[in-house]
Amino acid sequence: MGEDRGLVLVVEDEPTIADLERLYLADGGFGVHIERDGGRALEAVARLRPVAIVLDIGIPGMDGLELCRTLRARGDWTPVVFVTARDDEVDRILGLELGADDYLTKPFSPRELVARVRALIRRASVPAGAPVRTIGTVVLDPVRRRVEVGGARVALTATEFDLLEHLMSQPGRVFTREQLLSSVWGVADYSSSRTVDVHVAQVRLKLGSAAAVIHTVRGVGYSAAEQEA
C-alpha cells in the first residue's frame, strides 16, 4: 500500500463507485472513510479532519454543492474534488465558485482520481524557507499558505492559492492556460482549460482592490504584474 498519505473522506451514495474509490485511494497510500449523505459527511469532516474530500454532487439530504458551501462558510478550506454525473458547464463552474479545487465527471478513471488527490496534497507541501512574495499590496507566504492584501487576510482555496503563487513566482511571465493546467493542476486534460478562467476570476474577486495583480494576455493566458498593481 505504500506510505500513509493521510485520510481522504469519500462522500458517495452509490456503493459500487464508493468501493472502487476506496480501493484505488487505499492502494495509493490513503486512509479512506466513506459517508453516503451530506449531513453525516459534514459531521465527519469536523471529527476526522481529512486531508482531502472526494465529494459527489448528487448525494441525499444536503447535496454536494450545499455541503461545500457550508464548509467554506465555516472557514474550512479542506481541498475538495467534486464528482458529478451532470455533464454541463453550469455545475462545473458553480462548484468551483463555491470553493472546490477540482472536479471529475462520471464516468472517470479511478487512477485519475487518485492522481488529482495526490496533486492537491503535494502542492500543499512547501519547503521550509520558501520566500514570501510581494507585488504591490499583495503578500503571499508559501510556508504559512497565507495571502494578505493591505494587511488583511484573503481566504483562498488550495488551488486558488497555488494558482496565485505560480503566477507571482515569475512576475511578468505569461503562462498559457495549458501551462497552468499542467503546473498547477498537474493534469494534461487541456479540454478543461475553462477551469483556469473560472479560478482566475475567483482569485481576482477575492483580492478585491488588488485584482489587477493578475493580468490577462488576450489570446494567450495570464501573468502576474511586474510592478505595483
C-alpha atoms as a PDB file:
ATOM      1  CA  MET A   1       0.000   0.000   0.000  1.00  0.00           C
ATOM      2  CA  GLY A   2       2.951   2.335   0.496  1.00  0.00           C
ATOM      3  CA  GLU A   3       3.346   5.308   2.812  1.00  0.00           C
ATOM      4  CA  ASP A   4       0.476   6.816   4.780  1.00  0.00           C
ATOM      5  CA  ARG A   5      -0.651   9.926   2.919  1.00  0.00           C
ATOM      6  CA  GLY A   6      -3.478  10.834   5.287  1.00  0.00           C
ATOM      7  CA  LEU A   7      -7.230  10.260   5.363  1.00  0.00           C
ATOM      8  CA  VAL A   8      -9.494  11.051   2.416  1.00  0.00           C
ATOM      9  CA  LEU A   9     -13.226  11.464   3.042  1.00  0.00           C
ATOM     10  CA  VAL A  10     -15.277  10.000   0.195  1.00  0.00           C
ATOM     11  CA  VAL A  11     -18.874  11.235   0.048  1.00  0.00           C
ATOM     12  CA  GLU A  12     -20.676   8.978  -2.415  1.00  0.00           C
ATOM     13  CA  ASP A  13     -24.084   7.255  -2.169  1.00  0.00           C
ATOM     14  CA  GLU A  14     -23.502   4.680  -4.928  1.00  0.00           C
ATOM     15  CA  PRO A  15     -21.861   1.696  -3.147  1.00  0.00           C
ATOM     16  CA  THR A  16     -20.101   0.367  -6.250  1.00  0.00           C
ATOM     17  CA  ILE A  17     -18.455   3.706  -7.002  1.00  0.00           C
ATOM     18  CA  ALA A  18     -17.616   4.331  -3.337  1.00  0.00           C
ATOM     19  CA  ASP A  19     -15.963   0.915  -3.034  1.00  0.00           C
ATOM     20  CA  LEU A  20     -13.967   1.477  -6.228  1.00  0.00           C
ATOM     21  CA  GLU A  21     -12.765   4.863  -4.994  1.00  0.00           C
ATOM     22  CA  ARG A  22     -11.841   3.331  -1.645  1.00  0.00           C
ATOM     23  CA  LEU A  23      -9.867   0.540  -3.348  1.00  0.00           C
ATOM     24  CA  TYR A  24      -7.787   2.839  -5.546  1.00  0.00           C
ATOM     25  CA  LEU A  25      -7.227   5.533  -2.909  1.00  0.00           C
ATOM     26  CA  ALA A  26      -6.137   2.892  -0.396  1.00  0.00           C
ATOM     27  CA  ASP A  27      -3.810   1.373  -2.975  1.00  0.00           C
ATOM     28  CA  GLY A  28      -2.387   4.886  -3.410  1.00  0.00           C
ATOM     29  CA  GLY A  29      -1.487   5.046   0.277  1.00  0.00           C
ATOM     30  CA  PHE A  30      -4.510   6.930   1.644  1.00  0.00           C
ATOM     31  CA  GLY A  31      -6.759   6.065   4.522  1.00  0.00           C
ATOM     32  CA  VAL A  32     -10.389   6.238   3.377  1.00  0.00           C
ATOM     33  CA  HIS A  33     -13.630   6.986   5.209  1.00  0.00           C
ATOM     34  CA  ILE A  34     -16.928   6.808   3.308  1.00  0.00           C
ATOM     35  CA  GLU A  35     -20.148   8.696   4.025  1.00  0.00           C
ATOM     36  CA  ARG A  36     -23.274   8.456   1.896  1.00  0.00           C
ATOM     37  CA  ASP A  37     -25.189  11.631   2.789  1.00  0.00           C
ATOM     38  CA  GLY A  38     -24.279  15.267   3.263  1.00  0.00           C
ATOM     39  CA  GLY A  39     -25.299  15.682   6.892  1.00  0.00           C
ATOM     40  CA  ARG A  40     -23.155  12.791   8.113  1.00  0.00           C
ATOM     41  CA  ALA A  41     -20.306  13.941   5.865  1.00  0.00           C
ATOM     42  CA  LEU A  42     -20.354  17.410   7.428  1.00  0.00           C
ATOM     43  CA  GLU A  43     -20.011  15.875  10.875  1.00  0.00           C
ATOM     44  CA  ALA A  44     -17.254  13.548   9.638  1.00  0.00           C
ATOM     45  CA  VAL A  45     -15.174  16.462   8.336  1.00  0.00           C
ATOM     46  CA  ALA A  46     -15.141  18.061  11.785  1.00  0.00           C
ATOM     47  CA  ARG A  47     -14.390  14.756  13.512  1.00  0.00           C
ATOM     48  CA  LEU A  48     -11.817  13.238  11.166  1.00  0.00           C
ATOM     49  CA  ARG A  49     -10.013  16.286   9.710  1.00  0.00           C
ATOM     50  CA  PRO A  50      -9.345  14.646   6.313  1.00  0.00           C
ATOM     51  CA  VAL A  51      -6.516  15.795   4.046  1.00  0.00           C
ATOM     52  CA  ALA A  52      -8.982  15.930   1.116  1.00  0.00           C
ATOM     53  CA  ILE A  53     -12.658  15.340   0.320  1.00  0.00           C
ATOM     54  CA  VAL A  54     -13.950  13.498  -2.756  1.00  0.00           C
ATOM     55  CA  LEU A  55     -17.484  14.847  -2.974  1.00  0.00           C
ATOM     56  CA  ASP A  56     -20.298  13.618  -5.208  1.00  0.00           C
ATOM     57  CA  ILE A  57     -22.743  16.402  -6.088  1.00  0.00           C
ATOM     58  CA  GLY A  58     -25.880  14.244  -6.153  1.00  0.00           C
ATOM     59  CA  ILE A  59     -25.846  12.852  -2.607  1.00  0.00           C
ATOM     60  CA  PRO A  60     -29.011  12.553  -0.464  1.00  0.00           C
ATOM     61  CA  GLY A  61     -30.031  15.224   2.021  1.00  0.00           C
ATOM     62  CA  MET A  62     -27.593  18.117   1.874  1.00  0.00           C
ATOM     63  CA  ASP A  63     -26.192  17.816  -1.651  1.00  0.00           C
ATOM     64  CA  GLY A  64     -22.522  18.229  -2.510  1.00  0.00           C
ATOM     65  CA  LEU A  65     -22.829  21.854  -3.563  1.00  0.00           C
ATOM     66  CA  GLU A  66     -24.500  22.857  -0.290  1.00  0.00           C
ATOM     67  CA  LEU A  67     -22.021  20.809   1.730  1.00  0.00           C
ATOM     68  CA  CYS A  68     -19.084  22.569   0.103  1.00  0.00           C
ATOM     69  CA  ARG A  69     -20.764  25.964   0.570  1.00  0.00           C
ATOM     70  CA  THR A  70     -21.300  25.213   4.272  1.00  0.00           C
ATOM     71  CA  LEU A  71     -17.700  24.142   4.809  1.00  0.00           C
ATOM     72  CA  ARG A  72     -16.315  27.279   3.159  1.00  0.00           C
ATOM     73  CA  ALA A  73     -18.690  29.498   5.130  1.00  0.00           C
ATOM     74  CA  ARG A  74     -17.286  27.925   8.299  1.00  0.00           C
ATOM     75  CA  GLY A  75     -13.760  28.714   7.204  1.00  0.00           C
ATOM     76  CA  ASP A  76     -12.918  25.081   6.419  1.00  0.00           C
ATOM     77  CA  TRP A  77     -10.698  25.006   3.304  1.00  0.00           C
ATOM     78  CA  THR A  78     -10.005  21.270   3.136  1.00  0.00           C
ATOM     79  CA  PRO A  79      -9.282  20.503  -0.550  1.00  0.00           C
ATOM     80  CA  VAL A  80     -12.428  19.302  -2.353  1.00  0.00           C
ATOM     81  CA  VAL A  81     -12.653  17.314  -5.575  1.00  0.00           C
ATOM     82  CA  PHE A  82     -16.212  17.324  -6.922  1.00  0.00           C
ATOM     83  CA  VAL A  83     -17.522  14.239  -8.703  1.00  0.00           C
ATOM     84  CA  THR A  84     -20.554  14.840 -10.903  1.00  0.00           C
ATOM     85  CA  ALA A  85     -22.718  12.868 -13.302  1.00  0.00           C
ATOM     86  CA  ARG A  86     -24.089  16.115 -14.759  1.00  0.00           C
ATOM     87  CA  ASP A  87     -22.002  16.801 -17.809  1.00  0.00           C
ATOM     88  CA  ASP A  88     -22.692  20.505 -18.190  1.00  0.00           C
ATOM     89  CA  GLU A  89     -20.630  23.629 -17.647  1.00  0.00           C
ATOM     90  CA  VAL A  90     -23.036  25.224 -15.172  1.00  0.00           C
ATOM     91  CA  ASP A  91     -22.481  22.626 -12.453  1.00  0.00           C
ATOM     92  CA  ARG A  92     -18.721  22.631 -13.014  1.00  0.00           C
ATOM     93  CA  ILE A  93     -18.397  26.405 -12.754  1.00  0.00           C
ATOM     94  CA  LEU A  94     -20.841  26.644  -9.852  1.00  0.00           C
ATOM     95  CA  GLY A  95     -18.878  24.022  -7.978  1.00  0.00           C
ATOM     96  CA  LEU A  96     -15.602  25.853  -8.471  1.00  0.00           C
ATOM     97  CA  GLU A  97     -17.147  29.169  -7.425  1.00  0.00           C
ATOM     98  CA  LEU A  98     -18.293  27.515  -4.208  1.00  0.00           C
ATOM     99  CA  GLY A  99     -14.685  26.778  -3.339  1.00  0.00           C
ATOM    100  CA  ALA A 100     -13.962  23.365  -4.825  1.00  0.00           C
ATOM    101  CA  ASP A 101     -10.432  22.725  -6.005  1.00  0.00           C
ATOM    102  CA  ASP A 102     -11.084  20.316  -8.862  1.00  0.00           C
ATOM    103  CA  TYR A 103     -13.784  18.174 -10.447  1.00  0.00           C
ATOM    104  CA  LEU A 104     -14.242  14.927 -12.346  1.00  0.00           C
ATOM    105  CA  THR A 105     -17.210  13.910 -14.480  1.00  0.00           C
ATOM    106  CA  LYS A 106     -18.583  10.364 -14.322  1.00  0.00           C
ATOM    107  CA  PRO A 107     -17.504   8.003 -15.707  1.00  0.00           C
ATOM    108  CA  PHE A 108     -13.890   8.679 -14.786  1.00  0.00           C
ATOM    109  CA  SER A 109     -10.751   6.653 -14.315  1.00  0.00           C
ATOM    110  CA  PRO A 110     -10.170   5.866 -10.616  1.00  0.00           C
ATOM    111  CA  ARG A 111      -6.452   6.267 -11.298  1.00  0.00           C
ATOM    112  CA  GLU A 112      -7.156   9.820 -12.457  1.00  0.00           C
ATOM    113  CA  LEU A 113      -9.000  10.477  -9.202  1.00  0.00           C
ATOM    114  CA  VAL A 114      -6.003   9.314  -7.168  1.00  0.00           C
ATOM    115  CA  ALA A 115      -3.696  11.462  -9.291  1.00  0.00           C
ATOM    116  CA  ARG A 116      -5.863  14.551  -8.705  1.00  0.00           C
ATOM    117  CA  VAL A 117      -5.969  13.977  -4.936  1.00  0.00           C
ATOM    118  CA  ARG A 118      -2.221  13.408  -4.799  1.00  0.00           C
ATOM    119  CA  ALA A 119      -1.599  16.597  -6.760  1.00  0.00           C
ATOM    120  CA  LEU A 120      -3.723  18.653  -4.365  1.00  0.00           C
ATOM    121  CA  ILE A 121      -1.929  17.333  -1.307  1.00  0.00           C
ATOM    122  CA  ARG A 122       1.534  17.538  -2.874  1.00  0.00           C
ATOM    123  CA  ARG A 123       1.038  21.201  -3.682  1.00  0.00           C
ATOM    124  CA  ALA A 124       0.246  21.870  -0.037  1.00  0.00           C
ATOM    125  CA  SER A 125       3.750  20.689   0.949  1.00  0.00           C
ATOM    126  CA  VAL A 126       6.108  23.661   0.707  1.00  0.00           C
ATOM    127  CA  PRO A 127       9.825  23.513   1.570  1.00  0.00           C
ATOM    128  CA  ALA A 128      10.812  25.441   4.686  1.00  0.00           C
ATOM    129  CA  GLY A 129      12.386  28.751   3.798  1.00  0.00           C
ATOM    130  CA  ALA A 130      10.347  29.306   0.623  1.00  0.00           C
ATOM    131  CA  PRO A 131      10.410  33.085   0.044  1.00  0.00           C
ATOM    132  CA  VAL A 132       7.496  35.389   0.783  1.00  0.00           C
ATOM    133  CA  ARG A 133       6.346  37.023  -2.469  1.00  0.00           C
ATOM    134  CA  THR A 134       5.115  40.604  -2.640  1.00  0.00           C
ATOM    135  CA  ILE A 135       3.592  42.506  -5.546  1.00  0.00           C
ATOM    136  CA  GLY A 136       2.024  45.829  -4.670  1.00  0.00           C
ATOM    137  CA  THR A 137      -0.282  45.296  -1.682  1.00  0.00           C
ATOM    138  CA  VAL A 138      -0.428  41.521  -2.197  1.00  0.00           C
ATOM    139  CA  VAL A 139       1.770  39.453   0.123  1.00  0.00           C
ATOM    140  CA  LEU A 140       1.901  35.673  -0.350  1.00  0.00           C
ATOM    141  CA  ASP A 141       3.611  33.421   2.206  1.00  0.00           C
ATOM    142  CA  PRO A 142       4.129  29.914   0.714  1.00  0.00           C
ATOM    143  CA  VAL A 143       5.173  28.309   4.016  1.00  0.00           C
ATOM    144  CA  ARG A 144       2.161  29.548   6.003  1.00  0.00           C
ATOM    145  CA  ARG A 145      -0.027  29.357   2.868  1.00  0.00           C
ATOM    146  CA  ARG A 146      -1.326  32.797   3.664  1.00  0.00           C
ATOM    147  CA  VAL A 147      -2.283  35.678   1.388  1.00  0.00           C
ATOM    148  CA  GLU A 148      -2.825  39.244   2.557  1.00  0.00           C
ATOM    149  CA  VAL A 149      -3.936  42.373   0.761  1.00  0.00           C
ATOM    150  CA  GLY A 150      -3.004  45.539   2.594  1.00  0.00           C
ATOM    151  CA  GLY A 151      -2.508  43.528   5.774  1.00  0.00           C
ATOM    152  CA  ALA A 152      -5.939  41.852   5.619  1.00  0.00           C
ATOM    153  CA  ARG A 153      -6.012  38.095   5.149  1.00  0.00           C
ATOM    154  CA  VAL A 154      -7.634  36.697   1.999  1.00  0.00           C
ATOM    155  CA  ALA A 155      -9.173  33.205   2.194  1.00  0.00           C
ATOM    156  CA  LEU A 156      -8.275  31.143  -0.876  1.00  0.00           C
ATOM    157  CA  THR A 157      -8.884  27.501  -1.700  1.00  0.00           C
ATOM    158  CA  ALA A 158      -5.816  25.295  -2.081  1.00  0.00           C
ATOM    159  CA  THR A 159      -5.962  25.537  -5.861  1.00  0.00           C
ATOM    160  CA  GLU A 160      -6.606  29.293  -5.866  1.00  0.00           C
ATOM    161  CA  PHE A 161      -3.565  29.755  -3.643  1.00  0.00           C
ATOM    162  CA  ASP A 162      -1.387  27.571  -5.860  1.00  0.00           C
ATOM    163  CA  LEU A 163      -2.510  29.408  -8.984  1.00  0.00           C
ATOM    164  CA  LEU A 164      -1.677  32.813  -7.494  1.00  0.00           C
ATOM    165  CA  GLU A 165       1.643  31.553  -6.148  1.00  0.00           C
ATOM    166  CA  HIS A 166       2.608  30.135  -9.542  1.00  0.00           C
ATOM    167  CA  LEU A 167       1.885  33.414 -11.285  1.00  0.00           C
ATOM    168  CA  MET A 168       3.619  35.514  -8.610  1.00  0.00           C
ATOM    169  CA  SER A 169       6.693  33.273  -8.662  1.00  0.00           C
ATOM    170  CA  GLN A 170       7.657  34.742 -12.052  1.00  0.00           C
ATOM    171  CA  PRO A 171       6.187  38.252 -12.356  1.00  0.00           C
ATOM    172  CA  GLY A 172       5.721  39.355 -15.934  1.00  0.00           C
ATOM    173  CA  ARG A 173       5.963  35.874 -17.414  1.00  0.00           C
ATOM    174  CA  VAL A 174       2.913  34.924 -19.456  1.00  0.00           C
ATOM    175  CA  PHE A 175       1.574  31.418 -18.809  1.00  0.00           C
ATOM    176  CA  THR A 176      -0.833  29.771 -21.226  1.00  0.00           C
ATOM    177  CA  ARG A 177      -3.882  28.022 -19.830  1.00  0.00           C
ATOM    178  CA  GLU A 178      -2.331  24.700 -20.817  1.00  0.00           C
ATOM    179  CA  GLN A 179       0.856  25.506 -18.893  1.00  0.00           C
ATOM    180  CA  LEU A 180      -1.158  26.453 -15.828  1.00  0.00           C
ATOM    181  CA  LEU A 181      -3.231  23.266 -16.018  1.00  0.00           C
ATOM    182  CA  SER A 182      -0.045  21.227 -16.192  1.00  0.00           C
ATOM    183  CA  SER A 183       1.864  23.078 -13.464  1.00  0.00           C
ATOM    184  CA  VAL A 184      -0.911  23.925 -11.009  1.00  0.00           C
ATOM    185  CA  TRP A 185      -3.461  21.146 -11.519  1.00  0.00           C
ATOM    186  CA  GLY A 186      -0.969  18.516 -12.640  1.00  0.00           C
ATOM    187  CA  VAL A 187      -3.265  17.357 -15.434  1.00  0.00           C
ATOM    188  CA  ALA A 188      -2.994  17.169 -19.192  1.00  0.00           C
ATOM    189  CA  ASP A 189      -6.712  17.399 -19.979  1.00  0.00           C
ATOM    190  CA  TYR A 190      -6.475  20.633 -21.880  1.00  0.00           C
ATOM    191  CA  SER A 191     -10.124  20.441 -22.905  1.00  0.00           C
ATOM    192  CA  SER A 192     -10.909  21.740 -19.393  1.00  0.00           C
ATOM    193  CA  SER A 193      -8.961  24.982 -19.808  1.00  0.00           C
ATOM    194  CA  ARG A 194     -12.144  26.880 -18.868  1.00  0.00           C
ATOM    195  CA  THR A 195     -11.320  25.782 -15.317  1.00  0.00           C
ATOM    196  CA  VAL A 196      -8.345  28.156 -15.330  1.00  0.00           C
ATOM    197  CA  ASP A 197     -10.538  31.109 -16.291  1.00  0.00           C
ATOM    198  CA  VAL A 198     -13.002  30.346 -13.502  1.00  0.00           C
ATOM    199  CA  HIS A 199     -10.259  30.135 -10.891  1.00  0.00           C
ATOM    200  CA  VAL A 200      -8.607  33.351 -12.077  1.00  0.00           C
ATOM    201  CA  ALA A 201     -11.965  35.122 -11.839  1.00  0.00           C
ATOM    202  CA  GLN A 202     -12.461  33.860  -8.303  1.00  0.00           C
ATOM    203  CA  VAL A 203      -8.956  34.875  -7.181  1.00  0.00           C
ATOM    204  CA  ARG A 204      -9.456  38.365  -8.614  1.00  0.00           C
ATOM    205  CA  LEU A 205     -12.796  38.665  -6.848  1.00  0.00           C
ATOM    206  CA  LYS A 206     -11.240  37.730  -3.520  1.00  0.00           C
ATOM    207  CA  LEU A 207      -8.250  40.058  -3.994  1.00  0.00           C
ATOM    208  CA  GLY A 208     -10.656  42.966  -4.379  1.00  0.00           C
ATOM    209  CA  SER A 209      -8.763  46.230  -4.891  1.00  0.00           C
ATOM    210  CA  ALA A 210      -5.615  44.264  -5.758  1.00  0.00           C
ATOM    211  CA  ALA A 211      -7.275  42.187  -8.504  1.00  0.00           C
ATOM    212  CA  ALA A 212      -5.085  43.823 -11.167  1.00  0.00           C
ATOM    213  CA  VAL A 213      -2.105  41.868  -9.830  1.00  0.00           C
ATOM    214  CA  ILE A 214      -3.234  39.206 -12.355  1.00  0.00           C
ATOM    215  CA  HIS A 215      -3.073  40.348 -15.966  1.00  0.00           C
ATOM    216  CA  THR A 216      -4.990  38.794 -18.840  1.00  0.00           C
ATOM    217  CA  VAL A 217      -2.974  38.437 -22.032  1.00  0.00           C
ATOM    218  CA  ARG A 218      -5.675  38.142 -24.663  1.00  0.00           C
ATOM    219  CA  GLY A 219      -5.422  35.012 -26.768  1.00  0.00           C
ATOM    220  CA  VAL A 220      -2.563  33.634 -24.662  1.00  0.00           C
ATOM    221  CA  GLY A 221      -3.159  33.348 -20.933  1.00  0.00           C
ATOM    222  CA  TYR A 222      -2.269  35.114 -17.692  1.00  0.00           C
ATOM    223  CA  SER A 223       0.648  36.749 -15.884  1.00  0.00           C
ATOM    224  CA  ALA A 224       1.353  38.461 -12.586  1.00  0.00           C
ATOM    225  CA  ALA A 225       2.091  42.164 -12.622  1.00  0.00           C
ATOM    226  CA  GLU A 226       5.754  43.177 -12.588  1.00  0.00           C
ATOM    227  CA  GLN A 227       5.055  46.480 -10.902  1.00  0.00           C
ATOM    228  CA  GLU A 228       2.675  47.514  -8.152  1.00  0.00           C
ATOM    229  CA  ALA A 229      -0.890  46.527  -9.062  1.00  0.00           C
END
